[in-house]
Amino acid sequence: MTRQPRPAARILLVDGDGRVLLFRFTPNDRPPFWCTPGGALDAGESYAAAARRELREEVGIDRDCGPEVAQRTVAFRTIEGVDVIADERWFRVDVDGCAVDTGGHTALERRVMTQWRWFTAAALAAHPERLYPDDLAAMLAATEPADAR
């Protein structure tokens, strides 16, 4: 199978209580799953610019996402049904708190991203539906700011 390359920016959005924001995706062709904000780069866009744009569009926060904190390559099928090999760059954004504003969601996002929730580490471990990335708790711990440890 040939997979299309998909450069993507993903965001670990963490509030003052150490909870991470995830969106629940409900595709037609597989069980629901939860994922961090983020998505594919637009043509000519840098990873940092895409992270800022995705944070603004999906959550309603317009700010620089800081430096990349992780990189991974993963193969998957997009919501649109395209098999991709994604070069994901991860950014951690810590906020005191925020209200999620989904006004920037596309029509597809409004259809498949109907719920969001702030997860504690305990809630991540106990959640029955699939979470992405699979090692989200470890990624959060590894990217925690040194002054918060």
Foldseek 3Di string as FASTA:
>chain_A
DDAAEFEKEFEQEAAQVRWTKWFWFPAPPDHIEIEGFMGGDDPPDDNQRRNQVRCCQWFNDRDGLDDFDDWDWDWDADSVGGTHTYTYTYGYHYYNDGHGDNPNPDPNCVVTRVDMDTGHLVCLVPPPHHYPPNPVSVSSVSRPDPVVD
